[in-house]
Amino acid sequence: MRTEAALYAVGDSILATALTAPAGRGTVYFDVVKDRQTMLTRAADIRAGRAEISIPLSQQLSGTIYLSAYRIMPSGQIVRDT
């Protein structure tokens, strides 16, 4: 997973990209976590080996947060990056 920056301010949007195998298909899920609580979950379809989302940062997401991206493989295994 990649983002444009490491630090953001309220009002900014995080553009996150999850990279997979070029022929990969399916869905990537993105979770925004604050204080060990999932505040927001979004899903993006994989196209040409990439899944992208834009997350606007509201006042509710101010402070320290982290972004987690994961994919559930056909075998049921979860592949995750934070």
PDB file of N, CA and C in Angstrom:
ATOM      1  N   MET A   1       0.842  -1.164   0.000  1.00  0.00           N
ATOM      2  CA  MET A   1       0.000   0.000   0.000  1.00  0.00           C
ATOM      3  C   MET A   1       0.891   1.231   0.000  1.00  0.00           C
ATOM      4  N   ARG A   2       0.431   2.227  -0.722  1.00  0.00           N
ATOM      5  CA  ARG A   2       1.148   3.500  -0.784  1.00  0.00           C
ATOM      6  C   ARG A   2       0.175   4.651  -0.585  1.00  0.00           C
ATOM      7  N   THR A   3       0.695   5.717   0.035  1.00  0.00           N
ATOM      8  CA  THR A   3      -0.050   6.964   0.151  1.00  0.00           C
ATOM      9  C   THR A   3       0.829   8.081  -0.396  1.00  0.00           C
ATOM     10  N   GLU A   4       0.216   9.211  -0.670  1.00  0.00           N
ATOM     11  CA  GLU A   4       0.973  10.343  -1.215  1.00  0.00           C
ATOM     12  C   GLU A   4       1.892  10.990  -0.181  1.00  0.00           C
ATOM     13  N   ALA A   5       1.504  10.914   1.100  1.00  0.00           N
ATOM     14  CA  ALA A   5       2.273  11.565   2.169  1.00  0.00           C
ATOM     15  C   ALA A   5       2.136  10.745   3.436  1.00  0.00           C
ATOM     16  N   ALA A   6       2.950  11.070   4.436  1.00  0.00           N
ATOM     17  CA  ALA A   6       2.864  10.388   5.728  1.00  0.00           C
ATOM     18  C   ALA A   6       2.026  11.185   6.723  1.00  0.00           C
ATOM     19  N   LEU A   7       1.986  12.508   6.553  1.00  0.00           N
ATOM     20  CA  LEU A   7       1.225  13.379   7.449  1.00  0.00           C
ATOM     21  C   LEU A   7       0.165  14.127   6.667  1.00  0.00           C
ATOM     22  N   TYR A   8      -1.019  14.204   7.252  1.00  0.00           N
ATOM     23  CA  TYR A   8      -2.138  14.903   6.636  1.00  0.00           C
ATOM     24  C   TYR A   8      -2.789  15.797   7.676  1.00  0.00           C
ATOM     25  N   ALA A   9      -3.556  16.766   7.218  1.00  0.00           N
ATOM     26  CA  ALA A   9      -4.301  17.657   8.107  1.00  0.00           C
ATOM     27  C   ALA A   9      -5.797  17.466   7.860  1.00  0.00           C
ATOM     28  N   VAL A  10      -6.609  17.856   8.859  1.00  0.00           N
ATOM     29  CA  VAL A  10      -8.056  17.818   8.686  1.00  0.00           C
ATOM     30  C   VAL A  10      -8.410  18.644   7.458  1.00  0.00           C
ATOM     31  N   GLY A  11      -9.251  18.109   6.610  1.00  0.00           N
ATOM     32  CA  GLY A  11      -9.625  18.763   5.364  1.00  0.00           C
ATOM     33  C   GLY A  11      -8.902  18.177   4.161  1.00  0.00           C
ATOM     34  N   ASP A  12      -7.753  17.538   4.403  1.00  0.00           N
ATOM     35  CA  ASP A  12      -7.039  16.855   3.324  1.00  0.00           C
ATOM     36  C   ASP A  12      -7.757  15.554   2.987  1.00  0.00           C
ATOM     37  N   SER A  13      -7.357  14.953   1.885  1.00  0.00           N
ATOM     38  CA  SER A  13      -7.829  13.619   1.518  1.00  0.00           C
ATOM     39  C   SER A  13      -6.620  12.717   1.345  1.00  0.00           C
ATOM     40  N   ILE A  14      -6.715  11.522   1.898  1.00  0.00           N
ATOM     41  CA  ILE A  14      -5.671  10.519   1.706  1.00  0.00           C
ATOM     42  C   ILE A  14      -5.978   9.781   0.413  1.00  0.00           C
ATOM     43  N   LEU A  15      -5.034   9.758  -0.511  1.00  0.00           N
ATOM     44  CA  LEU A  15      -5.151   8.925  -1.698  1.00  0.00           C
ATOM     45  C   LEU A  15      -4.294   7.701  -1.438  1.00  0.00           C
ATOM     46  N   ALA A  16      -4.931   6.548  -1.282  1.00  0.00           N
ATOM     47  CA  ALA A  16      -4.223   5.306  -0.972  1.00  0.00           C
ATOM     48  C   ALA A  16      -4.335   4.355  -2.153  1.00  0.00           C
ATOM     49  N   THR A  17      -3.226   3.684  -2.450  1.00  0.00           N
ATOM     50  CA  THR A  17      -3.169   2.724  -3.547  1.00  0.00           C
ATOM     51  C   THR A  17      -2.628   1.410  -3.014  1.00  0.00           C
ATOM     52  N   ALA A  18      -3.376   0.344  -3.238  1.00  0.00           N
ATOM     53  CA  ALA A  18      -2.902  -1.000  -2.909  1.00  0.00           C
ATOM     54  C   ALA A  18      -2.465  -1.653  -4.215  1.00  0.00           C
ATOM     55  N   LEU A  19      -1.258  -2.203  -4.217  1.00  0.00           N
ATOM     56  CA  LEU A  19      -0.707  -2.841  -5.410  1.00  0.00           C
ATOM     57  C   LEU A  19      -0.796  -4.355  -5.264  1.00  0.00           C
ATOM     58  N   THR A  20      -1.221  -5.024  -6.336  1.00  0.00           N
ATOM     59  CA  THR A  20      -1.326  -6.473  -6.341  1.00  0.00           C
ATOM     60  C   THR A  20      -0.666  -7.006  -7.615  1.00  0.00           C
ATOM     61  N   ALA A  21      -0.749  -8.298  -7.809  1.00  0.00           N
ATOM     62  CA  ALA A  21      -0.223  -8.891  -9.043  1.00  0.00           C
ATOM     63  C   ALA A  21      -0.950  -8.269 -10.233  1.00  0.00           C
ATOM     64  N   PRO A  22      -0.246  -8.043 -11.345  1.00  0.00           N
ATOM     65  CA  PRO A  22      -0.864  -7.368 -12.498  1.00  0.00           C
ATOM     66  C   PRO A  22      -2.166  -8.004 -12.978  1.00  0.00           C
ATOM     67  N   ALA A  23      -2.264  -9.313 -12.877  1.00  0.00           N
ATOM     68  CA  ALA A  23      -3.484  -9.984 -13.331  1.00  0.00           C
ATOM     69  C   ALA A  23      -4.482 -10.164 -12.191  1.00  0.00           C
ATOM     70  N   GLY A  24      -4.158  -9.611 -11.014  1.00  0.00           N
ATOM     71  CA  GLY A  24      -5.018  -9.779  -9.844  1.00  0.00           C
ATOM     72  C   GLY A  24      -6.389  -9.163 -10.038  1.00  0.00           C
ATOM     73  N   ARG A  25      -7.397  -9.845  -9.512  1.00  0.00           N
ATOM     74  CA  ARG A  25      -8.761  -9.334  -9.542  1.00  0.00           C
ATOM     75  C   ARG A  25      -9.378  -9.551  -8.178  1.00  0.00           C
ATOM     76  N   GLY A  26     -10.387  -8.792  -7.885  1.00  0.00           N
ATOM     77  CA  GLY A  26     -11.058  -8.925  -6.602  1.00  0.00           C
ATOM     78  C   GLY A  26     -11.253  -7.573  -5.958  1.00  0.00           C
ATOM     79  N   THR A  27     -11.274  -7.567  -4.637  1.00  0.00           N
ATOM     80  CA  THR A  27     -11.563  -6.365  -3.864  1.00  0.00           C
ATOM     81  C   THR A  27     -10.501  -6.186  -2.782  1.00  0.00           C
ATOM     82  N   VAL A  28     -10.111  -4.936  -2.562  1.00  0.00           N
ATOM     83  CA  VAL A  28      -9.241  -4.575  -1.440  1.00  0.00           C
ATOM     84  C   VAL A  28     -10.077  -3.733  -0.491  1.00  0.00           C
ATOM     85  N   TYR A  29      -9.961  -4.025   0.806  1.00  0.00           N
ATOM     86  CA  TYR A  29     -10.676  -3.288   1.838  1.00  0.00           C
ATOM     87  C   TYR A  29      -9.686  -2.387   2.559  1.00  0.00           C
ATOM     88  N   PHE A  30     -10.095  -1.160   2.814  1.00  0.00           N
ATOM     89  CA  PHE A  30      -9.260  -0.174   3.503  1.00  0.00           C
ATOM     90  C   PHE A  30      -9.964   0.212   4.804  1.00  0.00           C
ATOM     91  N   ASP A  31      -9.252   0.099   5.919  1.00  0.00           N
ATOM     92  CA  ASP A  31      -9.786   0.489   7.227  1.00  0.00           C
ATOM     93  C   ASP A  31      -8.986   1.672   7.759  1.00  0.00           C
ATOM     94  N   VAL A  32      -9.684   2.673   8.300  1.00  0.00           N
ATOM     95  CA  VAL A  32      -9.053   3.764   9.030  1.00  0.00           C
ATOM     96  C   VAL A  32      -9.272   3.476  10.504  1.00  0.00           C
ATOM     97  N   VAL A  33      -8.168   3.378  11.258  1.00  0.00           N
ATOM     98  CA  VAL A  33      -8.235   2.996  12.667  1.00  0.00           C
ATOM     99  C   VAL A  33      -7.705   4.141  13.529  1.00  0.00           C
ATOM    100  N   LYS A  34      -8.458   4.461  14.578  1.00  0.00           N
ATOM    101  CA  LYS A  34      -8.063   5.492  15.542  1.00  0.00           C
ATOM    102  C   LYS A  34      -8.355   4.955  16.933  1.00  0.00           C
ATOM    103  N   ASP A  35      -7.381   5.049  17.825  1.00  0.00           N
ATOM    104  CA  ASP A  35      -7.544   4.563  19.201  1.00  0.00           C
ATOM    105  C   ASP A  35      -8.035   3.119  19.235  1.00  0.00           C
ATOM    106  N   ARG A  36      -7.462   2.274  18.379  1.00  0.00           N
ATOM    107  CA  ARG A  36      -7.763   0.846  18.293  1.00  0.00           C
ATOM    108  C   ARG A  36      -9.203   0.557  17.887  1.00  0.00           C
ATOM    109  N   GLN A  37      -9.875   1.536  17.283  1.00  0.00           N
ATOM    110  CA  GLN A  37     -11.253   1.360  16.820  1.00  0.00           C
ATOM    111  C   GLN A  37     -11.319   1.664  15.331  1.00  0.00           C
ATOM    112  N   THR A  38     -11.950   0.794  14.579  1.00  0.00           N
ATOM    113  CA  THR A  38     -12.133   1.042  13.150  1.00  0.00           C
ATOM    114  C   THR A  38     -13.177   2.142  12.984  1.00  0.00           C
ATOM    115  N   MET A  39     -12.745   3.256  12.414  1.00  0.00           N
ATOM    116  CA  MET A  39     -13.617   4.414  12.250  1.00  0.00           C
ATOM    117  C   MET A  39     -14.313   4.439  10.893  1.00  0.00           C
ATOM    118  N   LEU A  40     -13.693   3.795   9.892  1.00  0.00           N
ATOM    119  CA  LEU A  40     -14.187   3.880   8.528  1.00  0.00           C
ATOM    120  C   LEU A  40     -13.656   2.696   7.743  1.00  0.00           C
ATOM    121  N   THR A  41     -14.490   2.092   6.929  1.00  0.00           N
ATOM    122  CA  THR A  41     -14.070   1.014   6.032  1.00  0.00           C
ATOM    123  C   THR A  41     -14.580   1.329   4.640  1.00  0.00           C
ATOM    124  N   ARG A  42     -13.701   1.179   3.670  1.00  0.00           N
ATOM    125  CA  ARG A  42     -14.057   1.379   2.259  1.00  0.00           C
ATOM    126  C   ARG A  42     -13.530   0.196   1.462  1.00  0.00           C
ATOM    127  N   ALA A  43     -14.168  -0.081   0.338  1.00  0.00           N
ATOM    128  CA  ALA A  43     -13.729  -1.170  -0.541  1.00  0.00           C
ATOM    129  C   ALA A  43     -13.468  -0.604  -1.927  1.00  0.00           C
ATOM    130  N   ALA A  44     -12.484  -1.182  -2.614  1.00  0.00           N
ATOM    131  CA  ALA A  44     -12.161  -0.768  -3.978  1.00  0.00           C
ATOM    132  C   ALA A  44     -11.853  -2.010  -4.808  1.00  0.00           C
ATOM    133  N   ASP A  45     -12.381  -2.047  -6.014  1.00  0.00           N
ATOM    134  CA  ASP A  45     -12.094  -3.152  -6.919  1.00  0.00           C
ATOM    135  C   ASP A  45     -10.684  -3.029  -7.467  1.00  0.00           C
ATOM    136  N   ILE A  46     -10.069  -4.167  -7.685  1.00  0.00           N
ATOM    137  CA  ILE A  46      -8.727  -4.199  -8.273  1.00  0.00           C
ATOM    138  C   ILE A  46      -8.856  -4.097  -9.785  1.00  0.00           C
ATOM    139  N   ARG A  47      -8.127  -3.167 -10.354  1.00  0.00           N
ATOM    140  CA  ARG A  47      -8.081  -2.978 -11.811  1.00  0.00           C
ATOM    141  C   ARG A  47      -6.625  -2.819 -12.207  1.00  0.00           C
ATOM    142  N   ALA A  48      -6.183  -3.675 -13.131  1.00  0.00           N
ATOM    143  CA  ALA A  48      -4.797  -3.625 -13.627  1.00  0.00           C
ATOM    144  C   ALA A  48      -3.785  -3.672 -12.472  1.00  0.00           C
ATOM    145  N   GLY A  49      -4.070  -4.498 -11.465  1.00  0.00           N
ATOM    146  CA  GLY A  49      -3.129  -4.674 -10.371  1.00  0.00           C
ATOM    147  C   GLY A  49      -3.135  -3.580  -9.324  1.00  0.00           C
ATOM    148  N   ARG A  50      -4.153  -2.704  -9.327  1.00  0.00           N
ATOM    149  CA  ARG A  50      -4.213  -1.595  -8.373  1.00  0.00           C
ATOM    150  C   ARG A  50      -5.635  -1.417  -7.854  1.00  0.00           C
ATOM    151  N   ALA A  51      -5.729  -1.020  -6.600  1.00  0.00           N
ATOM    152  CA  ALA A  51      -7.004  -0.601  -6.017  1.00  0.00           C
ATOM    153  C   ALA A  51      -6.742   0.742  -5.351  1.00  0.00           C
ATOM    154  N   GLU A  52      -7.535   1.744  -5.697  1.00  0.00           N
ATOM    155  CA  GLU A  52      -7.303   3.100  -5.175  1.00  0.00           C
ATOM    156  C   GLU A  52      -8.559   3.648  -4.519  1.00  0.00           C
ATOM    157  N   ILE A  53      -8.336   4.409  -3.441  1.00  0.00           N
ATOM    158  CA  ILE A  53      -9.432   5.120  -2.787  1.00  0.00           C
ATOM    159  C   ILE A  53      -8.945   6.492  -2.349  1.00  0.00           C
ATOM    160  N   SER A  54      -9.903   7.375  -2.143  1.00  0.00           N
ATOM    161  CA  SER A  54      -9.628   8.692  -1.580  1.00  0.00           C
ATOM    162  C   SER A  54     -10.470   8.807  -0.316  1.00  0.00           C
ATOM    163  N   ILE A  55      -9.817   9.150   0.780  1.00  0.00           N
ATOM    164  CA  ILE A  55     -10.504   9.257   2.067  1.00  0.00           C
ATOM    165  C   ILE A  55     -10.396  10.689   2.575  1.00  0.00           C
ATOM    166  N   PRO A  56     -11.510  11.440   2.605  1.00  0.00           N
ATOM    167  CA  PRO A  56     -11.462  12.795   3.162  1.00  0.00           C
ATOM    168  C   PRO A  56     -11.317  12.729   4.686  1.00  0.00           C
ATOM    169  N   LEU A  57     -10.438  13.553   5.224  1.00  0.00           N
ATOM    170  CA  LEU A  57     -10.187  13.556   6.662  1.00  0.00           C
ATOM    171  C   LEU A  57     -11.027  14.621   7.356  1.00  0.00           C
ATOM    172  N   SER A  58     -12.020  14.174   8.085  1.00  0.00           N
ATOM    173  CA  SER A  58     -12.886  15.078   8.838  1.00  0.00           C
ATOM    174  C   SER A  58     -12.319  15.286  10.234  1.00  0.00           C
ATOM    175  N   GLN A  59     -12.939  16.149  10.987  1.00  0.00           N
ATOM    176  CA  GLN A  59     -12.526  16.413  12.363  1.00  0.00           C
ATOM    177  C   GLN A  59     -12.577  15.134  13.201  1.00  0.00           C
ATOM    178  N   GLN A  60     -13.507  14.231  12.902  1.00  0.00           N
ATOM    179  CA  GLN A  60     -13.634  12.978  13.652  1.00  0.00           C
ATOM    180  C   GLN A  60     -12.410  12.075  13.474  1.00  0.00           C
ATOM    181  N   LEU A  61     -11.648  12.306  12.406  1.00  0.00           N
ATOM    182  CA  LEU A  61     -10.455  11.510  12.150  1.00  0.00           C
ATOM    183  C   LEU A  61      -9.173  12.260  12.503  1.00  0.00           C
ATOM    184  N   SER A  62      -9.287  13.339  13.275  1.00  0.00           N
ATOM    185  CA  SER A  62      -8.083  14.080  13.672  1.00  0.00           C
ATOM    186  C   SER A  62      -7.340  13.304  14.743  1.00  0.00           C
ATOM    187  N   GLY A  63      -6.060  13.557  14.847  1.00  0.00           N
ATOM    188  CA  GLY A  63      -5.220  12.832  15.789  1.00  0.00           C
ATOM    189  C   GLY A  63      -4.445  11.753  15.058  1.00  0.00           C
ATOM    190  N   THR A  64      -3.955  10.793  15.810  1.00  0.00           N
ATOM    191  CA  THR A  64      -3.172   9.714  15.215  1.00  0.00           C
ATOM    192  C   THR A  64      -4.103   8.623  14.697  1.00  0.00           C
ATOM    193  N   ILE A  65      -3.991   8.339  13.427  1.00  0.00           N
ATOM    194  CA  ILE A  65      -4.761   7.267  12.798  1.00  0.00           C
ATOM    195  C   ILE A  65      -3.793   6.400  12.004  1.00  0.00           C
ATOM    196  N   TYR A  66      -4.235   5.220  11.659  1.00  0.00           N
ATOM    197  CA  TYR A  66      -3.476   4.444  10.691  1.00  0.00           C
ATOM    198  C   TYR A  66      -4.426   3.812   9.695  1.00  0.00           C
ATOM    199  N   LEU A  67      -3.890   3.525   8.533  1.00  0.00           N
ATOM    200  CA  LEU A  67      -4.652   2.978   7.425  1.00  0.00           C
ATOM    201  C   LEU A  67      -4.185   1.556   7.183  1.00  0.00           C
ATOM    202  N   SER A  68      -5.128   0.663   7.083  1.00  0.00           N
ATOM    203  CA  SER A  68      -4.828  -0.740   6.831  1.00  0.00           C
ATOM    204  C   SER A  68      -5.556  -1.153   5.558  1.00  0.00           C
ATOM    205  N   ALA A  69      -4.860  -1.882   4.685  1.00  0.00           N
ATOM    206  CA  ALA A  69      -5.471  -2.409   3.464  1.00  0.00           C
ATOM    207  C   ALA A  69      -5.334  -3.925   3.494  1.00  0.00           C
ATOM    208  N   TYR A  70      -6.398  -4.621   3.139  1.00  0.00           N
ATOM    209  CA  TYR A  70      -6.314  -6.071   3.131  1.00  0.00           C
ATOM    210  C   TYR A  70      -7.177  -6.659   2.021  1.00  0.00           C
ATOM    211  N   ARG A  71      -6.802  -7.861   1.666  1.00  0.00           N
ATOM    212  CA  ARG A  71      -7.498  -8.597   0.615  1.00  0.00           C
ATOM    213  C   ARG A  71      -7.719 -10.012   1.115  1.00  0.00           C
ATOM    214  N   ILE A  72      -8.908 -10.540   0.881  1.00  0.00           N
ATOM    215  CA  ILE A  72      -9.204 -11.918   1.251  1.00  0.00           C
ATOM    216  C   ILE A  72      -8.995 -12.777   0.009  1.00  0.00           C
ATOM    217  N   MET A  73      -8.021 -13.671   0.100  1.00  0.00           N
ATOM    218  CA  MET A  73      -7.659 -14.515  -1.026  1.00  0.00           C
ATOM    219  C   MET A  73      -8.693 -15.636  -1.197  1.00  0.00           C
ATOM    220  N   PRO A  74      -8.772 -16.266  -2.387  1.00  0.00           N
ATOM    221  CA  PRO A  74      -9.718 -17.364  -2.585  1.00  0.00           C
ATOM    222  C   PRO A  74      -9.546 -18.499  -1.577  1.00  0.00           C
ATOM    223  N   SER A  75      -8.335 -18.674  -1.042  1.00  0.00           N
ATOM    224  CA  SER A  75      -8.086 -19.726  -0.040  1.00  0.00           C
ATOM    225  C   SER A  75      -8.609 -19.345   1.336  1.00  0.00           C
ATOM    226  N   GLY A  76      -9.039 -18.073   1.510  1.00  0.00           N
ATOM    227  CA  GLY A  76      -9.490 -17.576   2.796  1.00  0.00           C
ATOM    228  C   GLY A  76      -8.408 -16.845   3.576  1.00  0.00           C
ATOM    229  N   GLN A  77      -7.170 -16.924   3.095  1.00  0.00           N
ATOM    230  CA  GLN A  77      -6.054 -16.226   3.743  1.00  0.00           C
ATOM    231  C   GLN A  77      -6.236 -14.717   3.558  1.00  0.00           C
ATOM    232  N   ILE A  78      -5.894 -13.945   4.589  1.00  0.00           N
ATOM    233  CA  ILE A  78      -5.970 -12.490   4.516  1.00  0.00           C
ATOM    234  C   ILE A  78      -4.562 -11.938   4.345  1.00  0.00           C
ATOM    235  N   VAL A  79      -4.382 -11.127   3.302  1.00  0.00           N
ATOM    236  CA  VAL A  79      -3.108 -10.463   3.041  1.00  0.00           C
ATOM    237  C   VAL A  79      -3.315  -8.999   3.395  1.00  0.00           C
ATOM    238  N   ARG A  80      -2.468  -8.464   4.297  1.00  0.00           N
ATOM    239  CA  ARG A  80      -2.689  -7.118   4.851  1.00  0.00           C
ATOM    240  C   ARG A  80      -1.416  -6.284   4.803  1.00  0.00           C
ATOM    241  N   ASP A  81      -1.608  -4.974   4.661  1.00  0.00           N
ATOM    242  CA  ASP A  81      -0.516  -4.018   4.795  1.00  0.00           C
ATOM    243  C   ASP A  81      -1.077  -2.830   5.572  1.00  0.00           C
ATOM    244  N   THR A  82      -0.226  -2.213   6.394  1.00  0.00           N
ATOM    245  CA  THR A  82      -0.651  -1.077   7.216  1.00  0.00           C
ATOM    246  C   THR A  82       0.260   0.093   6.970  1.00  0.00           C
TER     247      THR A  82
END
